[in-house]
Every structure is written in C-alpha cells, then in structure tokens.
C-alpha cells in the first residue's frame, strides 16, 4: 500500500486547506493537490493527498471513503501510478508510392 491517496467526488469549491484539515484528523498530511482545469482554473473534482505513512493512509481511507463533503460523496482509495501513453510514433510512414521521392511539378 502506498501513502498517496486519490480523492474523488470533491466539491468544486473545495480548497487544499479544507482537504488538509479533513485528512489531518487521521494522520500527518505530507502534501495535498487538487487538480484544476488548465484553461479555466476550476477544480476538476478530484485530487491527491499524501499521508506520511501507509498506516495513516489506510486509516484515512477507512474513515473517509463514502463520506460526504459539501453535498458530494467522497471516493478515497490508493492512488495508482500515472500511466503515460508512450512512444507515439504517430503515423508518418510510407513514401507516397514513388519510393519516397517527390516530384516537383
């Protein structure tokens, strides 16, 4: 179990300080990050909380998962590693049927 937690179902008006206070009741909070839309700056309704130990993280999950905050039900569980869609290659293959040469006219 990791000590980084995913927190979903956050009220859009929730602040990182509120999250820190809520999770702080169950252990030492190492960091809090609410994810915001990069264009509007508005909360996307989820974030991450890192507790200082696995035991504190488990206590926070047990105590807070399914509870209500600002009229919304929280989802609290262990954060999964972020998956990067790798490699890309994008599809610039082929040469247009003429052996890769390009006619000027």
PDB file of N, CA and C in Angstrom:
ATOM      1  N   UNK A   1       0.850  -1.181   0.000  1.00  0.00           N
ATOM      2  CA  UNK A   1       0.000   0.000   0.000  1.00  0.00           C
ATOM      3  C   UNK A   1       0.888   1.233   0.000  1.00  0.00           C
ATOM      4  N   UNK A   2       0.526   2.189  -0.822  1.00  0.00           N
ATOM      5  CA  UNK A   2       1.257   3.448  -0.853  1.00  0.00           C
ATOM      6  C   UNK A   2       0.587   4.456   0.050  1.00  0.00           C
ATOM      7  N   UNK A   3       1.284   5.521   0.336  1.00  0.00           N
ATOM      8  CA  UNK A   3       0.699   6.539   1.203  1.00  0.00           C
ATOM      9  C   UNK A   3       0.061   7.669   0.398  1.00  0.00           C
ATOM     10  N   UNK A   4       0.068   7.558  -0.948  1.00  0.00           N
ATOM     11  CA  UNK A   4      -0.570   8.571  -1.787  1.00  0.00           C
ATOM     12  C   UNK A   4      -1.983   8.111  -2.103  1.00  0.00           C
ATOM     13  N   UNK A   5      -2.947   8.995  -1.841  1.00  0.00           N
ATOM     14  CA  UNK A   5      -4.353   8.653  -1.994  1.00  0.00           C
ATOM     15  C   UNK A   5      -5.015   9.472  -3.086  1.00  0.00           C
ATOM     16  N   UNK A   6      -5.905   8.829  -3.817  1.00  0.00           N
ATOM     17  CA  UNK A   6      -6.772   9.507  -4.779  1.00  0.00           C
ATOM     18  C   UNK A   6      -8.033   9.910  -4.035  1.00  0.00           C
ATOM     19  N   UNK A   7      -8.483  11.135  -4.233  1.00  0.00           N
ATOM     20  CA  UNK A   7      -9.710  11.612  -3.605  1.00  0.00           C
ATOM     21  C   UNK A   7     -10.620  12.143  -4.705  1.00  0.00           C
ATOM     22  N   UNK A   8     -11.706  11.430  -4.969  1.00  0.00           N
ATOM     23  CA  UNK A   8     -12.657  11.837  -5.989  1.00  0.00           C
ATOM     24  C   UNK A   8     -13.952  12.306  -5.367  1.00  0.00           C
ATOM     25  N   UNK A   9     -14.781  12.947  -6.180  1.00  0.00           N
ATOM     26  CA  UNK A   9     -16.067  13.438  -5.692  1.00  0.00           C
ATOM     27  C   UNK A   9     -15.957  14.700  -4.874  1.00  0.00           C
ATOM     28  N   UNK A  10     -14.867  15.431  -5.068  1.00  0.00           N
ATOM     29  CA  UNK A  10     -14.698  16.674  -4.300  1.00  0.00           C
ATOM     30  C   UNK A  10     -15.665  17.751  -4.780  1.00  0.00           C
ATOM     31  N   UNK A  11     -16.184  18.547  -3.856  1.00  0.00           N
ATOM     32  CA  UNK A  11     -16.961  19.709  -4.282  1.00  0.00           C
ATOM     33  C   UNK A  11     -16.041  20.639  -5.078  1.00  0.00           C
ATOM     34  N   UNK A  12     -16.570  21.273  -6.110  1.00  0.00           N
ATOM     35  CA  UNK A  12     -15.735  22.123  -6.951  1.00  0.00           C
ATOM     36  C   UNK A  12     -15.182  23.329  -6.204  1.00  0.00           C
ATOM     37  N   UNK A  13     -15.811  23.688  -5.106  1.00  0.00           N
ATOM     38  CA  UNK A  13     -15.344  24.821  -4.311  1.00  0.00           C
ATOM     39  C   UNK A  13     -14.358  24.419  -3.211  1.00  0.00           C
ATOM     40  N   UNK A  14     -14.068  23.135  -3.096  1.00  0.00           N
ATOM     41  CA  UNK A  14     -13.161  22.659  -2.036  1.00  0.00           C
ATOM     42  C   UNK A  14     -11.763  23.250  -2.229  1.00  0.00           C
ATOM     43  N   UNK A  15     -11.115  23.536  -1.105  1.00  0.00           N
ATOM     44  CA  UNK A  15      -9.759  24.078  -1.147  1.00  0.00           C
ATOM     45  C   UNK A  15      -8.773  23.031  -0.645  1.00  0.00           C
ATOM     46  N   UNK A  16      -7.516  23.248  -0.982  1.00  0.00           N
ATOM     47  CA  UNK A  16      -6.474  22.331  -0.497  1.00  0.00           C
ATOM     48  C   UNK A  16      -6.382  22.389   1.021  1.00  0.00           C
ATOM     49  N   UNK A  17      -6.652  23.553   1.607  1.00  0.00           N
ATOM     50  CA  UNK A  17      -6.624  23.675   3.066  1.00  0.00           C
ATOM     51  C   UNK A  17      -7.726  22.835   3.704  1.00  0.00           C
ATOM     52  N   UNK A  18      -8.926  22.840   3.107  1.00  0.00           N
ATOM     53  CA  UNK A  18     -10.021  22.013   3.637  1.00  0.00           C
ATOM     54  C   UNK A  18      -9.658  20.530   3.571  1.00  0.00           C
ATOM     55  N   UNK A  19      -9.054  20.138   2.466  1.00  0.00           N
ATOM     56  CA  UNK A  19      -8.644  18.740   2.306  1.00  0.00           C
ATOM     57  C   UNK A  19      -7.568  18.379   3.330  1.00  0.00           C
ATOM     58  N   UNK A  20      -6.632  19.286   3.524  1.00  0.00           N
ATOM     59  CA  UNK A  20      -5.568  19.082   4.512  1.00  0.00           C
ATOM     60  C   UNK A  20      -6.166  18.905   5.905  1.00  0.00           C
ATOM     61  N   UNK A  21      -7.129  19.740   6.256  1.00  0.00           N
ATOM     62  CA  UNK A  21      -7.765  19.652   7.573  1.00  0.00           C
ATOM     63  C   UNK A  21      -8.553  18.347   7.734  1.00  0.00           C
ATOM     64  N   UNK A  22      -9.283  17.965   6.678  1.00  0.00           N
ATOM     65  CA  UNK A  22     -10.099  16.745   6.723  1.00  0.00           C
ATOM     66  C   UNK A  22      -9.228  15.510   6.909  1.00  0.00           C
ATOM     67  N   UNK A  23      -8.159  15.400   6.131  1.00  0.00           N
ATOM     68  CA  UNK A  23      -7.293  14.225   6.214  1.00  0.00           C
ATOM     69  C   UNK A  23      -6.360  14.302   7.413  1.00  0.00           C
ATOM     70  N   UNK A  24      -6.058  15.509   7.868  1.00  0.00           N
ATOM     71  CA  UNK A  24      -5.193  15.692   9.024  1.00  0.00           C
ATOM     72  C   UNK A  24      -5.756  15.100  10.300  1.00  0.00           C
ATOM     73  N   UNK A  25      -7.067  14.924  10.342  1.00  0.00           N
ATOM     74  CA  UNK A  25      -7.696  14.297  11.513  1.00  0.00           C
ATOM     75  C   UNK A  25      -7.344  12.812  11.611  1.00  0.00           C
ATOM     76  N   UNK A  26      -6.754  12.249  10.548  1.00  0.00           N
ATOM     77  CA  UNK A  26      -6.460  10.817  10.517  1.00  0.00           C
ATOM     78  C   UNK A  26      -4.970  10.518  10.402  1.00  0.00           C
ATOM     79  N   UNK A  27      -4.152  11.553  10.537  1.00  0.00           N
ATOM     80  CA  UNK A  27      -2.707  11.361  10.475  1.00  0.00           C
ATOM     81  C   UNK A  27      -2.023  12.610   9.944  1.00  0.00           C
ATOM     82  N   UNK A  28      -0.728  12.498   9.722  1.00  0.00           N
ATOM     83  CA  UNK A  28       0.059  13.624   9.233  1.00  0.00           C
ATOM     84  C   UNK A  28      -0.020  13.687   7.708  1.00  0.00           C
ATOM     85  N   UNK A  29      -0.457  14.833   7.203  1.00  0.00           N
ATOM     86  CA  UNK A  29      -0.579  15.030   5.762  1.00  0.00           C
ATOM     87  C   UNK A  29       0.744  15.581   5.228  1.00  0.00           C
ATOM     88  N   UNK A  30       1.334  14.875   4.262  1.00  0.00           N
ATOM     89  CA  UNK A  30       2.597  15.319   3.682  1.00  0.00           C
ATOM     90  C   UNK A  30       2.359  16.326   2.549  1.00  0.00           C
ATOM     91  N   UNK A  31       1.313  16.097   1.737  1.00  0.00           N
ATOM     92  CA  UNK A  31       1.007  17.030   0.649  1.00  0.00           C
ATOM     93  C   UNK A  31      -0.434  16.860   0.196  1.00  0.00           C
ATOM     94  N   UNK A  32      -0.961  17.930  -0.398  1.00  0.00           N
ATOM     95  CA  UNK A  32      -2.324  17.944  -0.935  1.00  0.00           C
ATOM     96  C   UNK A  32      -2.285  18.630  -2.286  1.00  0.00           C
ATOM     97  N   UNK A  33      -2.976  18.053  -3.260  1.00  0.00           N
ATOM     98  CA  UNK A  33      -3.044  18.675  -4.583  1.00  0.00           C
ATOM     99  C   UNK A  33      -4.422  18.444  -5.179  1.00  0.00           C
ATOM    100  N   UNK A  34      -5.170  19.534  -5.410  1.00  0.00           N
ATOM    101  CA  UNK A  34      -6.440  19.452  -6.114  1.00  0.00           C
ATOM    102  C   UNK A  34      -6.149  19.729  -7.579  1.00  0.00           C
ATOM    103  N   UNK A  35      -6.651  18.873  -8.448  1.00  0.00           N
ATOM    104  CA  UNK A  35      -6.397  19.002  -9.880  1.00  0.00           C
ATOM    105  C   UNK A  35      -7.373  20.008 -10.475  1.00  0.00           C
ATOM    106  N   UNK A  36      -6.822  20.961 -11.228  1.00  0.00           N
ATOM    107  CA  UNK A  36      -7.650  22.007 -11.831  1.00  0.00           C
ATOM    108  C   UNK A  36      -7.522  21.973 -13.349  1.00  0.00           C
ATOM    109  N   UNK A  37      -8.548  22.456 -14.017  1.00  0.00           N
ATOM    110  CA  UNK A  37      -8.534  22.566 -15.468  1.00  0.00           C
ATOM    111  C   UNK A  37      -7.506  23.617 -15.861  1.00  0.00           C
ATOM    112  N   UNK A  38      -6.624  23.278 -16.807  1.00  0.00           N
ATOM    113  CA  UNK A  38      -5.534  24.197 -17.128  1.00  0.00           C
ATOM    114  C   UNK A  38      -6.002  25.440 -17.871  1.00  0.00           C
ATOM    115  N   UNK A  39      -7.194  25.407 -18.456  1.00  0.00           N
ATOM    116  CA  UNK A  39      -7.684  26.574 -19.181  1.00  0.00           C
ATOM    117  C   UNK A  39      -8.551  27.474 -18.319  1.00  0.00           C
ATOM    118  N   UNK A  40      -9.433  26.894 -17.506  1.00  0.00           N
ATOM    119  CA  UNK A  40     -10.351  27.696 -16.700  1.00  0.00           C
ATOM    120  C   UNK A  40      -9.867  27.906 -15.273  1.00  0.00           C
ATOM    121  N   UNK A  41      -8.983  27.031 -14.790  1.00  0.00           N
ATOM    122  CA  UNK A  41      -8.513  27.129 -13.416  1.00  0.00           C
ATOM    123  C   UNK A  41      -9.497  26.567 -12.402  1.00  0.00           C
ATOM    124  N   UNK A  42     -10.632  26.019 -12.870  1.00  0.00           N
ATOM    125  CA  UNK A  42     -11.642  25.459 -11.970  1.00  0.00           C
ATOM    126  C   UNK A  42     -11.268  24.029 -11.589  1.00  0.00           C
ATOM    127  N   UNK A  43     -11.597  23.660 -10.363  1.00  0.00           N
ATOM    128  CA  UNK A  43     -11.356  22.305  -9.879  1.00  0.00           C
ATOM    129  C   UNK A  43     -12.024  21.290 -10.788  1.00  0.00           C
ATOM    130  N   UNK A  44     -11.361  20.157 -10.987  1.00  0.00           N
ATOM    131  CA  UNK A  44     -11.941  19.076 -11.774  1.00  0.00           C
ATOM    132  C   UNK A  44     -12.658  18.062 -10.890  1.00  0.00           C
ATOM    133  N   UNK A  45     -12.731  18.332  -9.580  1.00  0.00           N
ATOM    134  CA  UNK A  45     -13.494  17.476  -8.679  1.00  0.00           C
ATOM    135  C   UNK A  45     -12.726  16.305  -8.106  1.00  0.00           C
ATOM    136  N   UNK A  46     -11.397  16.312  -8.287  1.00  0.00           N
ATOM    137  CA  UNK A  46     -10.596  15.257  -7.670  1.00  0.00           C
ATOM    138  C   UNK A  46      -9.214  15.795  -7.336  1.00  0.00           C
ATOM    139  N   UNK A  47      -8.521  15.040  -6.512  1.00  0.00           N
ATOM    140  CA  UNK A  47      -7.181  15.457  -6.117  1.00  0.00           C
ATOM    141  C   UNK A  47      -6.434  14.307  -5.478  1.00  0.00           C
ATOM    142  N   UNK A  48      -5.283  14.640  -4.913  1.00  0.00           N
ATOM    143  CA  UNK A  48      -4.423  13.638  -4.299  1.00  0.00           C
ATOM    144  C   UNK A  48      -3.949  14.143  -2.944  1.00  0.00           C
ATOM    145  N   UNK A  49      -3.905  13.234  -1.988  1.00  0.00           N
ATOM    146  CA  UNK A  49      -3.412  13.541  -0.655  1.00  0.00           C
ATOM    147  C   UNK A  49      -2.339  12.513  -0.340  1.00  0.00           C
ATOM    148  N   UNK A  50      -1.197  12.982   0.125  1.00  0.00           N
ATOM    149  CA  UNK A  50      -0.132  12.066   0.523  1.00  0.00           C
ATOM    150  C   UNK A  50      -0.009  12.115   2.039  1.00  0.00           C
ATOM    151  N   UNK A  51      -0.165  10.940   2.647  1.00  0.00           N
ATOM    152  CA  UNK A  51      -0.030  10.822   4.093  1.00  0.00           C
ATOM    153  C   UNK A  51       1.406  10.414   4.408  1.00  0.00           C
ATOM    154  N   UNK A  52       1.838  10.640   5.641  1.00  0.00           N
ATOM    155  CA  UNK A  52       3.234  10.371   5.971  1.00  0.00           C
ATOM    156  C   UNK A  52       3.543   8.891   6.168  1.00  0.00           C
ATOM    157  N   UNK A  53       2.513   8.046   6.328  1.00  0.00           N
ATOM    158  CA  UNK A  53       2.771   6.610   6.453  1.00  0.00           C
ATOM    159  C   UNK A  53       1.626   5.816   5.832  1.00  0.00           C
ATOM    160  N   UNK A  54       1.914   4.566   5.518  1.00  0.00           N
ATOM    161  CA  UNK A  54       0.897   3.681   4.963  1.00  0.00           C
ATOM    162  C   UNK A  54      -0.253   3.459   5.947  1.00  0.00           C
ATOM    163  N   UNK A  55       0.081   3.353   7.233  1.00  0.00           N
ATOM    164  CA  UNK A  55      -0.952   3.121   8.253  1.00  0.00           C
ATOM    165  C   UNK A  55      -1.912   4.305   8.332  1.00  0.00           C
ATOM    166  N   UNK A  56      -1.368   5.514   8.249  1.00  0.00           N
ATOM    167  CA  UNK A  56      -2.224   6.705   8.274  1.00  0.00           C
ATOM    168  C   UNK A  56      -3.072   6.790   7.005  1.00  0.00           C
ATOM    169  N   UNK A  57      -2.494   6.407   5.879  1.00  0.00           N
ATOM    170  CA  UNK A  57      -3.249   6.397   4.625  1.00  0.00           C
ATOM    171  C   UNK A  57      -4.414   5.422   4.718  1.00  0.00           C
ATOM    172  N   UNK A  58      -4.170   4.241   5.265  1.00  0.00           N
ATOM    173  CA  UNK A  58      -5.232   3.244   5.408  1.00  0.00           C
ATOM    174  C   UNK A  58      -6.311   3.733   6.365  1.00  0.00           C
ATOM    175  N   UNK A  59      -5.908   4.411   7.427  1.00  0.00           N
ATOM    176  CA  UNK A  59      -6.878   4.958   8.385  1.00  0.00           C
ATOM    177  C   UNK A  59      -7.756   6.007   7.716  1.00  0.00           C
ATOM    178  N   UNK A  60      -7.160   6.839   6.868  1.00  0.00           N
ATOM    179  CA  UNK A  60      -7.924   7.873   6.168  1.00  0.00           C
ATOM    180  C   UNK A  60      -8.906   7.248   5.172  1.00  0.00           C
ATOM    181  N   UNK A  61      -8.475   6.203   4.467  1.00  0.00           N
ATOM    182  CA  UNK A  61      -9.370   5.514   3.528  1.00  0.00           C
ATOM    183  C   UNK A  61     -10.566   4.943   4.280  1.00  0.00           C
ATOM    184  N   UNK A  62     -10.271   4.245   5.367  1.00  0.00           N
ATOM    185  CA  UNK A  62     -11.327   3.615   6.162  1.00  0.00           C
ATOM    186  C   UNK A  62     -12.312   4.644   6.707  1.00  0.00           C
ATOM    187  N   UNK A  63     -11.799   5.770   7.175  1.00  0.00           N
ATOM    188  CA  UNK A  63     -12.657   6.775   7.799  1.00  0.00           C
ATOM    189  C   UNK A  63     -13.411   7.642   6.794  1.00  0.00           C
ATOM    190  N   UNK A  64     -12.816   7.919   5.625  1.00  0.00           N
ATOM    191  CA  UNK A  64     -13.387   8.944   4.748  1.00  0.00           C
ATOM    192  C   UNK A  64     -14.057   8.434   3.478  1.00  0.00           C
ATOM    193  N   UNK A  65     -13.735   7.232   3.032  1.00  0.00           N
ATOM    194  CA  UNK A  65     -14.354   6.715   1.806  1.00  0.00           C
ATOM    195  C   UNK A  65     -15.861   6.591   2.001  1.00  0.00           C
ATOM    196  N   UNK A  66     -16.627   7.194   1.105  1.00  0.00           N
ATOM    197  CA  UNK A  66     -18.087   7.120   1.188  1.00  0.00           C
ATOM    198  C   UNK A  66     -18.723   8.200   2.042  1.00  0.00           C
ATOM    199  N   UNK A  67     -17.914   9.041   2.668  1.00  0.00           N
ATOM    200  CA  UNK A  67     -18.475  10.130   3.465  1.00  0.00           C
ATOM    201  C   UNK A  67     -18.825  11.302   2.551  1.00  0.00           C
ATOM    202  N   UNK A  68     -19.509  12.276   3.111  1.00  0.00           N
ATOM    203  CA  UNK A  68     -19.964  13.410   2.325  1.00  0.00           C
ATOM    204  C   UNK A  68     -19.160  14.664   2.639  1.00  0.00           C
ATOM    205  N   UNK A  69     -18.872  15.430   1.607  1.00  0.00           N
ATOM    206  CA  UNK A  69     -18.189  16.717   1.768  1.00  0.00           C
ATOM    207  C   UNK A  69     -18.864  17.693   0.816  1.00  0.00           C
ATOM    208  N   UNK A  70     -19.437  18.734   1.348  1.00  0.00           N
ATOM    209  CA  UNK A  70     -20.087  19.738   0.516  1.00  0.00           C
ATOM    210  C   UNK A  70     -21.196  19.191  -0.361  1.00  0.00           C
ATOM    211  N   UNK A  71     -21.917  18.195   0.128  1.00  0.00           N
ATOM    212  CA  UNK A  71     -23.024  17.626  -0.627  1.00  0.00           C
ATOM    213  C   UNK A  71     -22.624  16.567  -1.643  1.00  0.00           C
ATOM    214  N   UNK A  72     -21.342  16.208  -1.704  1.00  0.00           N
ATOM    215  CA  UNK A  72     -20.878  15.179  -2.641  1.00  0.00           C
ATOM    216  C   UNK A  72     -20.229  14.031  -1.866  1.00  0.00           C
ATOM    217  N   UNK A  73     -20.373  12.829  -2.382  1.00  0.00           N
ATOM    218  CA  UNK A  73     -19.811  11.645  -1.739  1.00  0.00           C
ATOM    219  C   UNK A  73     -18.366  11.452  -2.178  1.00  0.00           C
ATOM    220  N   UNK A  74     -17.475  11.349  -1.194  1.00  0.00           N
ATOM    221  CA  UNK A  74     -16.051  11.189  -1.484  1.00  0.00           C
ATOM    222  C   UNK A  74     -15.705   9.744  -1.839  1.00  0.00           C
ATOM    223  N   UNK A  75     -14.805   9.619  -2.791  1.00  0.00           N
ATOM    224  CA  UNK A  75     -14.177   8.350  -3.114  1.00  0.00           C
ATOM    225  C   UNK A  75     -12.724   8.484  -2.684  1.00  0.00           C
ATOM    226  N   UNK A  76     -12.295   7.647  -1.760  1.00  0.00           N
ATOM    227  CA  UNK A  76     -10.914   7.717  -1.273  1.00  0.00           C
ATOM    228  C   UNK A  76     -10.308   6.334  -1.401  1.00  0.00           C
ATOM    229  N   UNK A  77      -9.237   6.240  -2.191  1.00  0.00           N
ATOM    230  CA  UNK A  77      -8.522   4.971  -2.304  1.00  0.00           C
ATOM    231  C   UNK A  77      -7.072   5.225  -2.668  1.00  0.00           C
ATOM    232  N   UNK A  78      -6.311   4.147  -2.704  1.00  0.00           N
ATOM    233  CA  UNK A  78      -4.893   4.270  -3.012  1.00  0.00           C
ATOM    234  C   UNK A  78      -4.729   4.781  -4.437  1.00  0.00           C
ATOM    235  N   UNK A  79      -3.863   5.771  -4.605  1.00  0.00           N
ATOM    236  CA  UNK A  79      -3.609   6.318  -5.937  1.00  0.00           C
ATOM    237  C   UNK A  79      -2.823   5.302  -6.754  1.00  0.00           C
ATOM    238  N   UNK A  80      -3.209   5.158  -8.000  1.00  0.00           N
ATOM    239  CA  UNK A  80      -2.489   4.264  -8.903  1.00  0.00           C
ATOM    240  C   UNK A  80      -1.448   5.079  -9.655  1.00  0.00           C
ATOM    241  N   UNK A  81      -0.334   4.452 -10.024  1.00  0.00           N
ATOM    242  CA  UNK A  81       0.694   5.193 -10.767  1.00  0.00           C
ATOM    243  C   UNK A  81       0.113   5.747 -12.064  1.00  0.00           C
ATOM    244  N   UNK A  82       0.515   6.961 -12.416  1.00  0.00           N
ATOM    245  CA  UNK A  82       0.004   7.581 -13.622  1.00  0.00           C
ATOM    246  C   UNK A  82       0.556   6.859 -14.842  1.00  0.00           C
ATOM    247  N   UNK A  83      -0.345   6.483 -15.733  1.00  0.00           N
ATOM    248  CA  UNK A  83       0.077   5.798 -16.945  1.00  0.00           C
ATOM    249  C   UNK A  83       0.318   6.826 -18.033  1.00  0.00           C
ATOM    250  N   UNK A  84       1.448   6.706 -18.656  1.00  0.00           N
ATOM    251  CA  UNK A  84       1.775   7.583 -19.770  1.00  0.00           C
ATOM    252  C   UNK A  84       1.556   6.796 -21.048  1.00  0.00           C
ATOM    253  N   UNK A  85       0.843   7.384 -21.998  1.00  0.00           N
ATOM    254  CA  UNK A  85       0.745   6.711 -23.283  1.00  0.00           C
ATOM    255  C   UNK A  85       2.065   6.978 -23.972  1.00  0.00           C
ATOM    256  N   UNK A  86       2.809   5.938 -24.169  1.00  0.00           N
ATOM    257  CA  UNK A  86       4.181   6.121 -24.589  1.00  0.00           C
ATOM    258  C   UNK A  86       4.399   6.055 -26.075  1.00  0.00           C
ATOM    259  N   UNK A  87       5.557   6.379 -26.409  1.00  0.00           N
ATOM    260  CA  UNK A  87       6.128   6.114 -27.691  1.00  0.00           C
ATOM    261  C   UNK A  87       5.563   6.795 -28.894  1.00  0.00           C
ATOM    262  N   UNK A  88       4.389   6.867 -29.042  1.00  0.00           N
ATOM    263  CA  UNK A  88       3.780   7.658 -30.062  1.00  0.00           C
ATOM    264  C   UNK A  88       3.970   7.323 -31.503  1.00  0.00           C
ATOM    265  N   UNK A  89       4.953   7.382 -32.090  1.00  0.00           N
ATOM    266  CA  UNK A  89       5.151   7.097 -33.498  1.00  0.00           C
ATOM    267  C   UNK A  89       4.205   7.760 -34.457  1.00  0.00           C
ATOM    268  N   UNK A  90       3.137   8.189 -34.204  1.00  0.00           N
ATOM    269  CA  UNK A  90       2.225   8.993 -34.978  1.00  0.00           C
ATOM    270  C   UNK A  90       1.891   8.699 -36.412  1.00  0.00           C
ATOM    271  N   UNK A  91       2.449   7.874 -37.165  1.00  0.00           N
ATOM    272  CA  UNK A  91       1.961   7.543 -38.488  1.00  0.00           C
ATOM    273  C   UNK A  91       2.500   8.367 -39.637  1.00  0.00           C
ATOM    274  N   UNK A  92       3.748   8.731 -39.630  1.00  0.00           N
ATOM    275  CA  UNK A  92       4.328   9.419 -40.782  1.00  0.00           C
ATOM    276  C   UNK A  92       5.075   8.435 -41.667  1.00  0.00           C
ATOM    277  N   UNK A  93       4.601   7.239 -41.724  1.00  0.00           N
ATOM    278  CA  UNK A  93       5.288   6.224 -42.501  1.00  0.00           C
ATOM    279  C   UNK A  93       4.986   6.329 -43.989  1.00  0.00           C
ATOM    280  N   UNK A  94       5.558   5.450 -44.750  1.00  0.00           N
ATOM    281  CA  UNK A  94       5.278   5.386 -46.184  1.00  0.00           C
ATOM    282  C   UNK A  94       5.920   6.520 -46.948  1.00  0.00           C
ATOM    283  N   UNK A  95       5.975   6.357 -48.241  1.00  0.00           N
ATOM    284  CA  UNK A  95       6.608   7.385 -49.048  1.00  0.00           C
ATOM    285  C   UNK A  95       5.732   7.868 -50.167  1.00  0.00           C
ATOM    286  N   UNK A  96       4.481   7.542 -50.156  1.00  0.00           N
ATOM    287  CA  UNK A  96       3.594   8.047 -51.178  1.00  0.00           C
ATOM    288  C   UNK A  96       3.580   7.215 -52.452  1.00  0.00           C
ATOM    289  N   UNK A  97       4.125   6.037 -52.455  1.00  0.00           N
ATOM    290  CA  UNK A  97       4.028   5.157 -53.603  1.00  0.00           C
ATOM    291  C   UNK A  97       5.068   5.369 -54.695  1.00  0.00           C
ATOM    292  N   UNK A  98       5.988   6.275 -54.530  1.00  0.00           N
ATOM    293  CA  UNK A  98       7.006   6.508 -55.548  1.00  0.00           C
ATOM    294  C   UNK A  98       8.398   6.315 -54.963  1.00  0.00           C
ATOM    295  N   UNK A  99       8.512   5.416 -54.074  1.00  0.00           N
ATOM    296  CA  UNK A  99       9.802   5.139 -53.469  1.00  0.00           C
ATOM    297  C   UNK A  99      10.309   6.272 -52.607  1.00  0.00           C
ATOM    298  N   UNK A 100       9.411   7.092 -52.133  1.00  0.00           N
ATOM    299  CA  UNK A 100       9.785   8.166 -51.230  1.00  0.00           C
ATOM    300  C   UNK A 100      10.241   9.428 -51.935  1.00  0.00           C
ATOM    301  N   UNK A 101      10.277   9.431 -53.273  1.00  0.00           N
ATOM    302  CA  UNK A 101      10.693  10.632 -53.995  1.00  0.00           C
ATOM    303  C   UNK A 101       9.485  11.521 -54.240  1.00  0.00           C
ATOM    304  N   UNK A 102       9.752  12.788 -54.354  1.00  0.00           N
ATOM    305  CA  UNK A 102       8.665  13.728 -54.550  1.00  0.00           C
ATOM    306  C   UNK A 102       8.891  14.486 -55.844  1.00  0.00           C
ATOM    307  N   UNK A 103       7.916  14.460 -56.705  1.00  0.00           N
ATOM    308  CA  UNK A 103       8.016  15.219 -57.959  1.00  0.00           C
ATOM    309  C   UNK A 103       7.837  16.701 -57.663  1.00  0.00           C
ATOM    310  N   UNK A 104       8.604  17.519 -58.349  1.00  0.00           N
ATOM    311  CA  UNK A 104       8.485  18.949 -58.152  1.00  0.00           C
ATOM    312  C   UNK A 104       7.353  19.552 -58.973  1.00  0.00           C
ATOM    313  N   UNK A 105       6.971  18.917 -60.055  1.00  0.00           N
ATOM    314  CA  UNK A 105       5.964  19.555 -60.926  1.00  0.00           C
ATOM    315  C   UNK A 105       4.688  18.834 -60.896  1.00  0.00           C
TER     316      UNK A 105
END
